Amino acid sequence: MSKNTRRTGAVAAFLGAAALIAPAFANAAPTGSLGSADPETGFTCSVTSTETTANGWGIPFADEKDQTASYSAESVFDTDGSLKLEVTDVSDRSVSYHSAGGIALSDAATKEIGFSERTETTSASFQLRLTGTTNPADGGFTTLVWVPSQNGAPATTAAVEHTNIQDGLWKSTRTIGGASKGVLTSLDTIIAANPGAKVEHYGVSKGTGTSASTIFVDAVKFNGCTTNFAKKDADPETGTGSLGNLFGSLS
């Protein structure tokens, strides 16, 4: 048998096996690679977000379209960059959100919520945009906000990781069951008084009130998903196991 015949037969066998395997992978549910073995219905995990491939991060609301964040080569703990929240005066605000798919707040609170940041002036806050609360207006809409300084996080210019903030105290932008507007309250209290509350979006922000501040944010955690922010997309993999190298490996 000639070398070309052996190579053609090997390639055909490989492609035949791939055809049998591919449908299973195409229809398989996302698992550990997304950071969650069982993501909630409607929730999509974005493990990376970059300047060219945002993967669902940004501002989907018309009234906040000018408050966009950007991507920076500056890092927090890793070396590939971060999300940059920057304001130039007290009226500015910078924010980025990701859809939460309308998962129940009670479910979201059972998994770690957190983020890492590095800043020289002030800290970022974490936001949960809800519907289905007891607020009689706007479909029960409110935003829950977690602020580091209001939860005992030290003011420091070094990189810091805010972990398990679902166990901390949050402020609601509207008065809802269990929480008056602007009053620090636990998520457990809010969940108990608002059993129908759903998380529509989550995100990080730098609010108004501070002039000329810059915050670098990374490793945002929500519903079992950790998003790594980076300046650029990762280089394509060029491992020898790829199909593109197959023809040169059979001899």
Protein backbone atom coordinates (compact mmCIF):
# COMPACT_ATOMS: atom_id res chain seq x y z
CA MET A 1 0.00 0.00 0.00
CA SER A 2 1.40 3.42 -0.92
CA LYS A 3 2.10 6.20 1.60
CA ASN A 4 -0.65 8.38 0.01
CA THR A 5 -3.17 5.53 0.31
CA ARG A 6 -2.34 5.02 4.00
CA ARG A 7 -2.62 8.77 4.66
CA THR A 8 -5.99 9.06 2.84
CA GLY A 9 -7.38 6.12 4.79
CA ALA A 10 -6.23 7.55 8.11
CA VAL A 11 -7.75 10.96 7.38
CA ALA A 12 -11.06 9.40 6.33
CA ALA A 13 -11.18 7.36 9.52
CA PHE A 14 -10.45 10.46 11.63
CA LEU A 15 -13.11 12.57 9.91
CA GLY A 16 -15.63 9.74 10.17
CA ALA A 17 -15.09 9.54 13.91
CA ALA A 18 -15.29 13.32 14.20
CA ALA A 19 -18.64 13.32 12.42
CA LEU A 20 -20.01 10.90 14.99
CA ILE A 21 -18.67 12.90 17.93
CA ALA A 22 -19.47 16.43 16.75
CA PRO A 23 -23.28 16.33 17.15
CA ALA A 24 -22.91 15.27 20.77
CA PHE A 25 -20.65 18.23 21.50
CA ALA A 26 -22.85 20.62 19.55
CA ASN A 27 -25.87 19.77 21.66
CA ALA A 28 -24.14 19.28 25.00
CA ALA A 29 -24.98 21.65 27.84
CA PRO A 30 -22.18 23.96 29.02
CA THR A 31 -20.35 22.48 31.98
CA GLY A 32 -17.20 23.06 33.98
CA SER A 33 -15.44 25.19 31.37
CA LEU A 34 -17.99 27.92 32.05
CA GLY A 35 -17.28 27.88 35.75
CA SER A 36 -20.65 26.34 36.57
CA ALA A 37 -21.64 22.70 36.32
CA ASP A 38 -25.30 23.60 35.99
CA PRO A 39 -25.94 27.18 34.80
CA GLU A 40 -29.39 28.58 35.47
CA THR A 41 -31.93 28.56 32.64
CA GLY A 42 -31.47 31.61 30.44
CA PHE A 43 -28.09 32.48 31.89
CA THR A 44 -25.09 32.60 29.57
CA CYS A 45 -21.57 32.67 30.98
CA SER A 46 -18.93 34.78 29.24
CA VAL A 47 -15.55 33.57 30.46
CA THR A 48 -13.71 36.36 28.63
CA SER A 49 -14.50 39.90 27.50
CA THR A 50 -12.10 41.99 25.43
CA GLU A 51 -11.93 45.22 23.49
CA THR A 52 -12.77 43.42 20.23
CA THR A 53 -14.98 40.64 21.63
CA ALA A 54 -17.14 41.99 24.45
CA ASN A 55 -19.17 38.75 24.76
CA GLY A 56 -22.30 40.43 26.03
CA TRP A 57 -20.70 43.05 28.29
CA GLY A 58 -21.65 46.68 27.75
CA ILE A 59 -24.63 48.99 28.23
CA PRO A 60 -27.98 47.86 26.76
CA PHE A 61 -29.88 50.84 28.22
CA ALA A 62 -30.41 54.02 26.21
CA ASP A 63 -30.33 56.29 29.26
CA GLU A 64 -26.82 55.09 30.18
CA LYS A 65 -25.25 54.81 26.72
CA ASP A 66 -22.68 57.55 27.42
CA GLN A 67 -21.42 55.91 30.61
CA THR A 68 -19.42 53.17 28.92
CA ALA A 69 -16.36 51.49 30.35
CA SER A 70 -13.28 50.64 28.28
CA TYR A 71 -10.59 47.96 28.17
CA SER A 72 -7.06 48.49 29.38
CA ALA A 73 -3.69 46.73 29.23
CA GLU A 74 -3.37 47.56 32.94
CA SER A 75 -3.95 44.45 35.04
CA VAL A 76 -5.27 43.68 38.50
CA PHE A 77 -3.85 40.25 39.36
CA ASP A 78 -3.25 38.64 35.96
CA THR A 79 -1.24 39.99 33.01
CA ASP A 80 -3.72 40.33 30.13
CA GLY A 81 -5.54 43.52 31.12
CA SER A 82 -8.79 44.59 32.73
CA LEU A 83 -12.02 46.55 32.42
CA LYS A 84 -11.41 50.26 32.97
CA LEU A 85 -13.98 52.39 34.79
CA GLU A 86 -13.03 56.06 34.51
CA VAL A 87 -14.70 59.38 35.33
CA THR A 88 -13.40 62.92 34.94
CA ASP A 89 -15.76 64.91 37.16
CA VAL A 90 -18.42 64.45 39.85
CA SER A 91 -21.26 64.11 37.34
CA ASP A 92 -19.63 61.28 35.36
CA ARG A 93 -20.46 57.61 35.72
CA SER A 94 -18.85 54.53 34.15
CA VAL A 95 -20.51 51.10 34.05
CA SER A 96 -20.68 47.77 32.24
CA TYR A 97 -23.41 45.13 32.50
CA HIS A 98 -24.03 41.56 31.42
CA SER A 99 -27.40 39.86 31.08
CA ALA A 100 -28.32 37.53 33.94
CA GLY A 101 -31.13 35.89 31.97
CA GLY A 102 -33.82 36.66 34.54
CA ILE A 103 -32.63 34.09 37.08
CA ALA A 104 -34.20 34.12 40.52
CA LEU A 105 -32.39 36.33 43.03
CA SER A 106 -32.74 33.50 45.54
CA ASP A 107 -30.75 31.22 43.21
CA ALA A 108 -28.11 33.83 42.39
CA ALA A 109 -27.43 34.39 46.08
CA THR A 110 -26.49 30.72 46.61
CA LYS A 111 -23.32 31.16 44.49
CA GLU A 112 -20.39 33.49 44.95
CA ILE A 113 -20.69 37.07 43.76
CA GLY A 114 -17.46 39.04 43.65
CA PHE A 115 -14.80 40.89 41.68
CA SER A 116 -11.21 42.08 41.79
CA GLU A 117 -10.11 45.69 41.43
CA ARG A 118 -7.15 48.06 41.58
CA THR A 119 -7.57 51.78 42.12
CA GLU A 120 -5.76 54.80 43.53
CA THR A 121 -8.80 56.83 44.51
CA THR A 122 -12.13 55.14 45.03
CA SER A 123 -13.69 51.70 44.57
CA ALA A 124 -16.10 50.18 42.10
CA SER A 125 -19.53 48.95 43.15
CA PHE A 126 -21.39 45.81 42.12
CA GLN A 127 -24.94 46.06 40.77
CA LEU A 128 -27.86 43.67 40.45
CA ARG A 129 -30.73 45.02 38.33
CA LEU A 130 -33.94 43.32 39.44
CA THR A 131 -37.52 42.95 38.34
CA GLY A 132 -40.33 41.24 40.24
CA THR A 133 -39.84 42.98 43.57
CA THR A 134 -42.66 44.52 45.62
CA ASN A 135 -41.93 47.95 44.14
CA PRO A 136 -45.32 48.77 42.56
CA ALA A 137 -43.78 50.61 39.59
CA ASP A 138 -41.79 49.52 36.54
CA GLY A 139 -42.50 45.82 36.85
CA GLY A 140 -40.99 45.70 40.31
CA PHE A 141 -37.72 47.18 39.10
CA THR A 142 -34.89 48.20 41.41
CA THR A 143 -31.11 48.04 41.47
CA LEU A 144 -29.22 46.53 44.38
CA VAL A 145 -25.77 48.02 44.95
CA TRP A 146 -22.83 46.60 46.94
CA VAL A 147 -20.17 49.17 47.88
CA PRO A 148 -16.79 48.06 49.30
CA SER A 149 -16.41 50.92 51.79
CA GLN A 150 -19.85 50.18 53.24
CA ASN A 151 -18.87 46.56 53.80
CA GLY A 152 -15.62 47.02 55.68
CA ALA A 153 -13.31 46.71 52.67
CA PRO A 154 -10.09 48.65 53.33
CA ALA A 155 -9.10 51.62 51.18
CA THR A 156 -5.88 50.60 49.43
CA THR A 157 -3.98 51.27 46.21
CA ALA A 158 -3.01 47.58 45.96
CA ALA A 159 -5.04 45.04 43.99
CA VAL A 160 -7.83 43.58 46.10
CA GLU A 161 -10.32 40.73 45.68
CA HIS A 162 -13.87 41.19 46.97
CA THR A 163 -15.15 37.68 47.68
CA ASN A 164 -18.60 36.33 48.57
CA ILE A 165 -20.23 39.74 48.56
CA GLN A 166 -23.63 38.06 48.41
CA ASP A 167 -23.16 37.72 52.18
CA GLY A 168 -22.64 41.46 52.61
CA LEU A 169 -24.96 44.46 52.85
CA TRP A 170 -26.66 45.99 49.82
CA LYS A 171 -28.62 49.19 49.10
CA SER A 172 -31.74 49.31 46.95
CA THR A 173 -32.32 52.28 44.66
CA ARG A 174 -36.06 52.01 45.37
CA THR A 175 -38.04 51.08 48.46
CA ILE A 176 -39.00 47.42 48.23
CA GLY A 177 -40.10 44.73 50.65
CA GLY A 178 -37.55 44.39 53.44
CA ALA A 179 -35.42 47.30 52.26
CA SER A 180 -36.02 51.03 52.29
CA LYS A 181 -34.34 53.08 49.58
CA GLY A 182 -30.65 53.60 50.33
CA VAL A 183 -30.61 51.58 53.55
CA LEU A 184 -28.01 48.81 53.90
CA THR A 185 -29.77 45.44 53.98
CA SER A 186 -28.77 41.78 53.64
CA LEU A 187 -29.72 39.83 50.52
CA ASP A 188 -31.38 37.23 52.72
CA THR A 189 -33.78 39.88 54.04
CA ILE A 190 -34.52 41.17 50.55
CA ILE A 191 -35.07 37.66 49.17
CA ALA A 192 -37.45 36.75 51.99
CA ALA A 193 -39.59 39.83 51.33
CA ASN A 194 -39.40 39.59 47.52
CA PRO A 195 -39.79 35.92 46.56
CA GLY A 196 -40.49 36.80 42.92
CA ALA A 197 -37.39 38.93 42.43
CA LYS A 198 -35.32 38.12 39.35
CA VAL A 199 -31.88 39.35 38.28
CA GLU A 200 -32.06 40.77 34.76
CA HIS A 201 -28.52 42.23 34.59
CA TYR A 202 -25.44 42.35 36.78
CA GLY A 203 -22.39 44.55 36.49
CA VAL A 204 -19.76 46.84 37.95
CA SER A 205 -19.79 50.63 38.07
CA LYS A 206 -18.13 53.81 39.22
CA GLY A 207 -20.88 56.11 40.37
CA THR A 208 -21.12 59.89 40.42
CA GLY A 209 -19.67 62.08 43.15
CA THR A 210 -15.93 61.59 42.70
CA SER A 211 -13.79 63.63 40.34
CA ALA A 212 -11.04 62.21 38.11
CA SER A 213 -10.89 58.58 39.23
CA THR A 214 -9.86 55.39 37.46
CA ILE A 215 -10.61 51.80 38.52
CA PHE A 216 -9.37 48.59 36.92
CA VAL A 217 -11.78 45.66 37.39
CA ASP A 218 -11.31 41.97 36.64
CA ALA A 219 -12.54 38.47 37.52
CA VAL A 220 -16.23 39.33 37.94
CA LYS A 221 -18.06 36.41 39.54
CA PHE A 222 -21.78 35.72 39.27
CA ASN A 223 -23.89 32.55 39.18
CA GLY A 224 -20.88 30.25 39.02
CA CYS A 225 -19.29 32.20 36.15
CA THR A 226 -16.03 34.17 36.32
CA THR A 227 -15.40 36.67 33.53
CA ASN A 228 -11.81 37.58 32.76
CA PHE A 229 -11.44 41.03 31.21
CA ALA A 230 -8.50 41.51 28.85
CA LYS A 231 -7.26 44.16 26.44
CA LYS A 232 -6.90 41.81 23.47
CA ASP A 233 -8.27 38.47 22.32
CA ALA A 234 -6.06 35.48 23.09
CA ASP A 235 -3.84 34.17 20.29
CA PRO A 236 -5.37 31.22 18.36
CA GLU A 237 -4.22 27.84 19.58
CA THR A 238 -1.67 26.13 17.36
CA GLY A 239 -1.34 22.78 19.13
CA THR A 240 -0.18 19.74 17.18
CA GLY A 241 -3.46 18.00 17.86
CA SER A 242 -5.47 20.33 15.63
CA LEU A 243 -7.03 19.14 12.37
CA GLY A 244 -4.93 21.71 10.52
CA ASN A 245 -1.76 19.80 11.42
CA LEU A 246 -3.20 16.35 10.71
CA PHE A 247 -2.00 16.06 7.13
CA GLY A 248 1.57 16.75 8.11
CA SER A 249 1.56 14.32 11.02
CA LEU A 250 0.60 11.15 9.15
CA SER A 251 3.58 9.63 7.36
